[in-house]
Amino acid sequence: MPSGVLGDFWYASVQQLIAADAITALVKELALQAELVERSSERWRLQVARATLAQGQTVQRLADALAQVCACPHLQVDVGPVADSPALRNQALAQAQQRRAEAIVHGDAQVQALLAQFPGASIVPGSIRAV
């Protein structure tokens, strides 16, 4: 997943909006699924893959929240491919946590001793959950 200044800024901005309960429902989904592709003193431009998220009222509600919390001057939302969004970053973080949890279990000496003690025993794939 690409990481850059715009992506980092957008991720932090969306986290701030969510923490402040400034966005909910479809507006929150738009913010999470969108990629910030331009940020200037005149406008911020987002790109989102699903046209249903780029609807007028949803975009306006996100623009209003951004204007109050992040001083966003004008918001434009285009439809197109997304390479870096808060949702993609959250998914990557969750996958990394899952891999760490699995590595801990598989590397645990007690787990290995029990697996050796009981022939045929195994860790069921998908049974380890990161918390």
N, C-alpha and C. Protein backbone atom coordinates (compact mmCIF):
# COMPACT_ATOMS: atom_id res chain seq x y z
N MET A 1 0.84 -1.18 0.00
CA MET A 1 0.00 0.00 0.00
C MET A 1 0.88 1.23 0.00
N PRO A 2 0.62 2.16 -0.92
CA PRO A 2 1.41 3.39 -0.96
C PRO A 2 1.16 4.23 0.28
N SER A 3 2.19 4.87 0.72
CA SER A 3 2.06 5.76 1.86
C SER A 3 2.70 7.08 1.48
N GLY A 4 1.98 8.14 1.67
CA GLY A 4 2.51 9.44 1.32
C GLY A 4 1.93 10.51 2.21
N VAL A 5 2.38 11.71 1.98
CA VAL A 5 1.94 12.84 2.79
C VAL A 5 0.43 13.04 2.70
N LEU A 6 -0.12 13.01 1.49
CA LEU A 6 -1.57 13.19 1.34
C LEU A 6 -2.33 12.07 2.03
N GLY A 7 -1.87 10.82 1.85
CA GLY A 7 -2.54 9.68 2.47
C GLY A 7 -2.48 9.75 3.99
N ASP A 8 -1.31 10.12 4.50
CA ASP A 8 -1.16 10.24 5.96
C ASP A 8 -2.07 11.34 6.50
N PHE A 9 -2.10 12.48 5.80
CA PHE A 9 -2.95 13.59 6.22
C PHE A 9 -4.42 13.20 6.19
N TRP A 10 -4.85 12.54 5.10
CA TRP A 10 -6.25 12.16 4.97
C TRP A 10 -6.64 11.14 6.03
N TYR A 11 -5.77 10.17 6.27
CA TYR A 11 -6.05 9.16 7.30
C TYR A 11 -6.25 9.82 8.66
N ALA A 12 -5.35 10.73 9.02
CA ALA A 12 -5.46 11.44 10.30
C ALA A 12 -6.73 12.30 10.35
N SER A 13 -7.06 12.94 9.25
CA SER A 13 -8.27 13.78 9.20
C SER A 13 -9.53 12.95 9.39
N VAL A 14 -9.60 11.80 8.72
CA VAL A 14 -10.78 10.94 8.85
C VAL A 14 -10.88 10.39 10.27
N GLN A 15 -9.75 10.00 10.84
CA GLN A 15 -9.76 9.51 12.23
C GLN A 15 -10.27 10.61 13.17
N GLN A 16 -9.87 11.85 12.91
CA GLN A 16 -10.32 12.98 13.73
C GLN A 16 -11.84 13.18 13.58
N LEU A 17 -12.34 13.10 12.36
CA LEU A 17 -13.79 13.24 12.14
C LEU A 17 -14.57 12.14 12.85
N ILE A 18 -14.06 10.92 12.78
CA ILE A 18 -14.74 9.79 13.43
C ILE A 18 -14.71 9.95 14.94
N ALA A 19 -13.56 10.31 15.48
CA ALA A 19 -13.42 10.48 16.94
C ALA A 19 -14.34 11.59 17.46
N ALA A 20 -14.56 12.61 16.65
CA ALA A 20 -15.42 13.73 17.06
C ALA A 20 -16.89 13.45 16.76
N ASP A 21 -17.20 12.25 16.25
CA ASP A 21 -18.56 11.91 15.84
C ASP A 21 -19.13 12.93 14.86
N ALA A 22 -18.27 13.49 14.02
CA ALA A 22 -18.69 14.50 13.05
C ALA A 22 -19.29 13.87 11.80
N ILE A 23 -19.03 12.57 11.59
CA ILE A 23 -19.57 11.88 10.41
C ILE A 23 -20.11 10.52 10.83
N THR A 24 -21.17 10.11 10.16
CA THR A 24 -21.77 8.80 10.42
C THR A 24 -22.28 8.22 9.10
N ALA A 25 -22.65 6.99 9.15
CA ALA A 25 -23.33 6.28 8.06
C ALA A 25 -22.62 6.45 6.72
N LEU A 26 -23.35 6.89 5.71
CA LEU A 26 -22.83 6.98 4.35
C LEU A 26 -21.69 8.00 4.24
N VAL A 27 -21.76 9.06 4.99
CA VAL A 27 -20.71 10.09 4.97
C VAL A 27 -19.41 9.49 5.52
N LYS A 28 -19.52 8.72 6.57
CA LYS A 28 -18.34 8.05 7.13
C LYS A 28 -17.77 7.05 6.13
N GLU A 29 -18.65 6.33 5.45
CA GLU A 29 -18.19 5.36 4.44
C GLU A 29 -17.47 6.07 3.30
N LEU A 30 -17.99 7.21 2.86
CA LEU A 30 -17.33 8.00 1.83
C LEU A 30 -15.93 8.39 2.29
N ALA A 31 -15.82 8.90 3.49
CA ALA A 31 -14.51 9.33 4.01
C ALA A 31 -13.53 8.16 4.09
N LEU A 32 -14.02 7.01 4.55
CA LEU A 32 -13.15 5.84 4.69
C LEU A 32 -12.71 5.27 3.35
N GLN A 33 -13.57 5.32 2.36
CA GLN A 33 -13.28 4.71 1.06
C GLN A 33 -12.54 5.64 0.11
N ALA A 34 -12.46 6.91 0.43
CA ALA A 34 -11.89 7.90 -0.48
C ALA A 34 -10.38 8.05 -0.32
N GLU A 35 -9.77 8.46 -1.40
CA GLU A 35 -8.34 8.79 -1.42
C GLU A 35 -8.22 10.29 -1.66
N LEU A 36 -7.42 10.97 -0.86
CA LEU A 36 -7.15 12.39 -1.08
C LEU A 36 -6.09 12.49 -2.18
N VAL A 37 -6.46 13.04 -3.32
CA VAL A 37 -5.53 13.12 -4.45
C VAL A 37 -5.00 14.53 -4.69
N GLU A 38 -5.63 15.51 -4.06
CA GLU A 38 -5.15 16.89 -4.18
C GLU A 38 -5.59 17.68 -2.96
N ARG A 39 -4.67 18.50 -2.45
CA ARG A 39 -4.99 19.37 -1.32
C ARG A 39 -4.30 20.71 -1.55
N SER A 40 -5.09 21.72 -1.81
CA SER A 40 -4.54 23.06 -2.01
C SER A 40 -5.33 24.04 -1.15
N SER A 41 -4.95 25.29 -1.21
CA SER A 41 -5.66 26.31 -0.42
C SER A 41 -7.05 26.58 -1.00
N GLU A 42 -7.28 26.19 -2.27
CA GLU A 42 -8.59 26.41 -2.89
C GLU A 42 -9.53 25.24 -2.73
N ARG A 43 -8.99 24.01 -2.76
CA ARG A 43 -9.87 22.84 -2.70
C ARG A 43 -9.10 21.60 -2.27
N TRP A 44 -9.90 20.65 -1.81
CA TRP A 44 -9.41 19.29 -1.58
C TRP A 44 -10.16 18.42 -2.58
N ARG A 45 -9.44 17.51 -3.23
CA ARG A 45 -10.07 16.62 -4.19
C ARG A 45 -9.88 15.19 -3.75
N LEU A 46 -11.02 14.50 -3.61
CA LEU A 46 -11.03 13.09 -3.24
C LEU A 46 -11.37 12.26 -4.45
N GLN A 47 -10.95 11.01 -4.41
CA GLN A 47 -11.34 10.06 -5.44
C GLN A 47 -11.89 8.83 -4.72
N VAL A 48 -13.01 8.33 -5.21
CA VAL A 48 -13.66 7.17 -4.62
C VAL A 48 -14.06 6.23 -5.74
N ALA A 49 -13.96 4.94 -5.49
CA ALA A 49 -14.21 3.95 -6.53
C ALA A 49 -15.71 3.77 -6.84
N ARG A 50 -16.56 3.97 -5.85
CA ARG A 50 -18.00 3.72 -6.04
C ARG A 50 -18.76 5.03 -6.24
N ALA A 51 -19.42 5.13 -7.37
CA ALA A 51 -20.18 6.34 -7.70
C ALA A 51 -21.29 6.61 -6.69
N THR A 52 -21.83 5.56 -6.09
CA THR A 52 -22.92 5.74 -5.13
C THR A 52 -22.47 6.55 -3.91
N LEU A 53 -21.17 6.54 -3.62
CA LEU A 53 -20.67 7.32 -2.49
C LEU A 53 -20.43 8.79 -2.85
N ALA A 54 -20.36 9.09 -4.14
CA ALA A 54 -20.04 10.45 -4.59
C ALA A 54 -21.29 11.28 -4.88
N GLN A 55 -22.39 10.97 -4.22
CA GLN A 55 -23.65 11.67 -4.43
C GLN A 55 -23.63 13.03 -3.73
N GLY A 56 -24.36 13.98 -4.29
CA GLY A 56 -24.38 15.37 -3.83
C GLY A 56 -24.53 15.59 -2.34
N GLN A 57 -25.59 15.05 -1.75
CA GLN A 57 -25.85 15.31 -0.33
C GLN A 57 -24.79 14.68 0.56
N THR A 58 -24.32 13.51 0.20
CA THR A 58 -23.28 12.83 0.98
C THR A 58 -21.99 13.64 0.92
N VAL A 59 -21.63 14.09 -0.26
CA VAL A 59 -20.42 14.90 -0.43
C VAL A 59 -20.56 16.20 0.35
N GLN A 60 -21.73 16.83 0.29
CA GLN A 60 -21.93 18.09 1.00
C GLN A 60 -21.81 17.92 2.51
N ARG A 61 -22.36 16.84 3.02
CA ARG A 61 -22.27 16.58 4.47
C ARG A 61 -20.82 16.35 4.89
N LEU A 62 -20.05 15.66 4.05
CA LEU A 62 -18.63 15.47 4.37
C LEU A 62 -17.89 16.81 4.28
N ALA A 63 -18.21 17.61 3.26
CA ALA A 63 -17.60 18.93 3.11
C ALA A 63 -17.88 19.80 4.33
N ASP A 64 -19.11 19.77 4.82
CA ASP A 64 -19.48 20.56 6.00
C ASP A 64 -18.68 20.13 7.22
N ALA A 65 -18.56 18.82 7.41
CA ALA A 65 -17.79 18.30 8.56
C ALA A 65 -16.32 18.67 8.43
N LEU A 66 -15.77 18.53 7.24
CA LEU A 66 -14.36 18.88 7.02
C LEU A 66 -14.11 20.37 7.21
N ALA A 67 -15.05 21.20 6.79
CA ALA A 67 -14.89 22.65 6.95
C ALA A 67 -14.81 23.03 8.42
N GLN A 68 -15.59 22.34 9.25
CA GLN A 68 -15.61 22.67 10.67
C GLN A 68 -14.42 22.08 11.42
N VAL A 69 -14.03 20.86 11.10
CA VAL A 69 -12.99 20.18 11.86
C VAL A 69 -11.59 20.41 11.28
N CYS A 70 -11.48 20.47 9.97
CA CYS A 70 -10.16 20.54 9.33
C CYS A 70 -9.95 21.78 8.48
N ALA A 71 -10.86 22.71 8.49
CA ALA A 71 -10.76 23.94 7.70
C ALA A 71 -10.56 23.66 6.21
N CYS A 72 -11.31 22.72 5.69
CA CYS A 72 -11.26 22.38 4.26
C CYS A 72 -11.97 23.48 3.48
N PRO A 73 -11.31 24.09 2.47
CA PRO A 73 -11.92 25.21 1.75
C PRO A 73 -13.08 24.80 0.84
N HIS A 74 -12.87 23.85 -0.04
CA HIS A 74 -13.89 23.36 -0.98
C HIS A 74 -13.57 21.90 -1.24
N LEU A 75 -14.61 21.06 -1.30
CA LEU A 75 -14.40 19.63 -1.50
C LEU A 75 -14.96 19.21 -2.85
N GLN A 76 -14.14 18.48 -3.59
CA GLN A 76 -14.56 17.90 -4.86
C GLN A 76 -14.34 16.39 -4.75
N VAL A 77 -15.31 15.61 -5.19
CA VAL A 77 -15.20 14.15 -5.16
C VAL A 77 -15.38 13.62 -6.57
N ASP A 78 -14.36 12.90 -7.05
CA ASP A 78 -14.40 12.27 -8.37
C ASP A 78 -14.50 10.76 -8.19
N VAL A 79 -14.99 10.10 -9.22
CA VAL A 79 -15.08 8.64 -9.21
C VAL A 79 -13.91 8.08 -10.02
N GLY A 80 -13.20 7.14 -9.42
CA GLY A 80 -12.06 6.53 -10.09
C GLY A 80 -11.37 5.55 -9.16
N PRO A 81 -10.31 4.91 -9.63
CA PRO A 81 -9.62 3.92 -8.81
C PRO A 81 -8.95 4.56 -7.60
N VAL A 82 -8.92 3.80 -6.52
CA VAL A 82 -8.35 4.26 -5.26
C VAL A 82 -7.19 3.35 -4.87
N ALA A 83 -6.04 3.97 -4.59
CA ALA A 83 -4.86 3.19 -4.21
C ALA A 83 -4.55 3.31 -2.72
N ASP A 84 -5.02 4.39 -2.08
CA ASP A 84 -4.69 4.63 -0.67
C ASP A 84 -5.88 5.31 -0.01
N SER A 85 -6.56 4.60 0.86
CA SER A 85 -7.70 5.16 1.58
C SER A 85 -7.62 4.72 3.04
N PRO A 86 -8.32 5.41 3.93
CA PRO A 86 -8.35 4.95 5.32
C PRO A 86 -8.83 3.50 5.46
N ALA A 87 -9.81 3.11 4.65
CA ALA A 87 -10.31 1.73 4.72
C ALA A 87 -9.22 0.74 4.33
N LEU A 88 -8.48 1.04 3.27
CA LEU A 88 -7.39 0.16 2.85
C LEU A 88 -6.29 0.10 3.91
N ARG A 89 -6.00 1.25 4.52
CA ARG A 89 -4.99 1.27 5.59
C ARG A 89 -5.47 0.47 6.80
N ASN A 90 -6.74 0.62 7.16
CA ASN A 90 -7.28 -0.15 8.29
C ASN A 90 -7.23 -1.65 8.00
N GLN A 91 -7.54 -2.02 6.76
CA GLN A 91 -7.49 -3.43 6.36
C GLN A 91 -6.06 -3.96 6.45
N ALA A 92 -5.10 -3.19 6.00
CA ALA A 92 -3.69 -3.60 6.07
C ALA A 92 -3.24 -3.75 7.52
N LEU A 93 -3.67 -2.84 8.38
CA LEU A 93 -3.33 -2.92 9.81
C LEU A 93 -3.93 -4.17 10.44
N ALA A 94 -5.18 -4.47 10.11
CA ALA A 94 -5.84 -5.66 10.65
C ALA A 94 -5.15 -6.93 10.18
N GLN A 95 -4.75 -6.96 8.92
CA GLN A 95 -4.04 -8.14 8.40
C GLN A 95 -2.69 -8.31 9.09
N ALA A 96 -1.99 -7.22 9.33
CA ALA A 96 -0.70 -7.29 10.03
C ALA A 96 -0.89 -7.79 11.45
N GLN A 97 -1.93 -7.31 12.13
CA GLN A 97 -2.23 -7.79 13.48
C GLN A 97 -2.54 -9.28 13.49
N GLN A 98 -3.28 -9.72 12.48
CA GLN A 98 -3.63 -11.14 12.38
C GLN A 98 -2.38 -11.98 12.17
N ARG A 99 -1.49 -11.54 11.29
CA ARG A 99 -0.24 -12.28 11.05
C ARG A 99 0.60 -12.35 12.33
N ARG A 100 0.66 -11.24 13.09
CA ARG A 100 1.42 -11.24 14.35
C ARG A 100 0.81 -12.21 15.35
N ALA A 101 -0.52 -12.23 15.44
CA ALA A 101 -1.19 -13.14 16.38
C ALA A 101 -0.90 -14.59 16.01
N GLU A 102 -0.97 -14.90 14.73
CA GLU A 102 -0.69 -16.27 14.28
C GLU A 102 0.77 -16.64 14.55
N ALA A 103 1.68 -15.72 14.33
CA ALA A 103 3.10 -15.98 14.59
C ALA A 103 3.35 -16.24 16.07
N ILE A 104 2.66 -15.51 16.92
CA ILE A 104 2.81 -15.71 18.37
C ILE A 104 2.35 -17.11 18.77
N VAL A 105 1.20 -17.50 18.27
CA VAL A 105 0.67 -18.83 18.62
C VAL A 105 1.57 -19.93 18.06
N HIS A 106 1.93 -19.81 16.80
CA HIS A 106 2.76 -20.85 16.17
C HIS A 106 4.16 -20.91 16.79
N GLY A 107 4.64 -19.80 17.31
CA GLY A 107 5.97 -19.77 17.92
C GLY A 107 5.99 -20.05 19.41
N ASP A 108 4.84 -20.23 20.01
CA ASP A 108 4.76 -20.45 21.46
C ASP A 108 5.27 -21.86 21.81
N ALA A 109 6.16 -21.92 22.78
CA ALA A 109 6.76 -23.20 23.19
C ALA A 109 5.72 -24.17 23.73
N GLN A 110 4.76 -23.68 24.51
CA GLN A 110 3.72 -24.57 25.05
C GLN A 110 2.85 -25.14 23.94
N VAL A 111 2.52 -24.32 22.98
CA VAL A 111 1.71 -24.79 21.85
C VAL A 111 2.49 -25.87 21.09
N GLN A 112 3.75 -25.63 20.84
CA GLN A 112 4.57 -26.60 20.12
C GLN A 112 4.71 -27.90 20.91
N ALA A 113 4.83 -27.79 22.23
CA ALA A 113 4.93 -28.99 23.08
C ALA A 113 3.64 -29.80 23.02
N LEU A 114 2.51 -29.11 23.07
CA LEU A 114 1.23 -29.82 23.00
C LEU A 114 1.02 -30.47 21.63
N LEU A 115 1.41 -29.78 20.59
CA LEU A 115 1.29 -30.36 19.25
C LEU A 115 2.17 -31.60 19.12
N ALA A 116 3.34 -31.56 19.74
CA ALA A 116 4.25 -32.71 19.70
C ALA A 116 3.72 -33.86 20.56
N GLN A 117 3.06 -33.51 21.65
CA GLN A 117 2.55 -34.51 22.60
C GLN A 117 1.36 -35.28 22.02
N PHE A 118 0.57 -34.61 21.18
CA PHE A 118 -0.63 -35.24 20.64
C PHE A 118 -0.50 -35.37 19.12
N PRO A 119 -0.04 -36.55 18.66
CA PRO A 119 0.11 -36.75 17.21
C PRO A 119 -1.22 -36.51 16.50
N GLY A 120 -1.15 -35.84 15.39
CA GLY A 120 -2.35 -35.54 14.62
C GLY A 120 -3.02 -34.24 15.03
N ALA A 121 -2.58 -33.68 16.14
CA ALA A 121 -3.14 -32.40 16.58
C ALA A 121 -2.63 -31.29 15.66
N SER A 122 -3.46 -30.31 15.44
CA SER A 122 -3.03 -29.18 14.62
C SER A 122 -3.81 -27.94 15.02
N ILE A 123 -3.29 -26.82 14.60
CA ILE A 123 -4.00 -25.56 14.81
C ILE A 123 -4.94 -25.39 13.63
N VAL A 124 -6.20 -25.27 13.90
CA VAL A 124 -7.20 -25.16 12.84
C VAL A 124 -7.04 -23.81 12.14
N PRO A 125 -6.84 -23.84 10.81
CA PRO A 125 -6.72 -22.57 10.09
C PRO A 125 -7.96 -21.68 10.31
N GLY A 126 -7.72 -20.43 10.57
CA GLY A 126 -8.81 -19.48 10.80
C GLY A 126 -9.29 -19.43 12.24
N SER A 127 -8.69 -20.26 13.11
CA SER A 127 -9.15 -20.28 14.51
C SER A 127 -8.44 -19.24 15.39
N ILE A 128 -7.39 -18.65 14.90
CA ILE A 128 -6.66 -17.63 15.66
C ILE A 128 -7.21 -16.28 15.27
N ARG A 129 -7.62 -15.51 16.26
CA ARG A 129 -8.18 -14.20 16.02
C ARG A 129 -7.37 -13.13 16.75
N ALA A 130 -6.92 -12.14 16.01
CA ALA A 130 -6.24 -11.00 16.63
C ALA A 130 -7.29 -10.15 17.32
N VAL A 131 -6.95 -9.65 18.45
CA VAL A 131 -7.89 -8.82 19.21
C VAL A 131 -7.38 -7.41 19.28
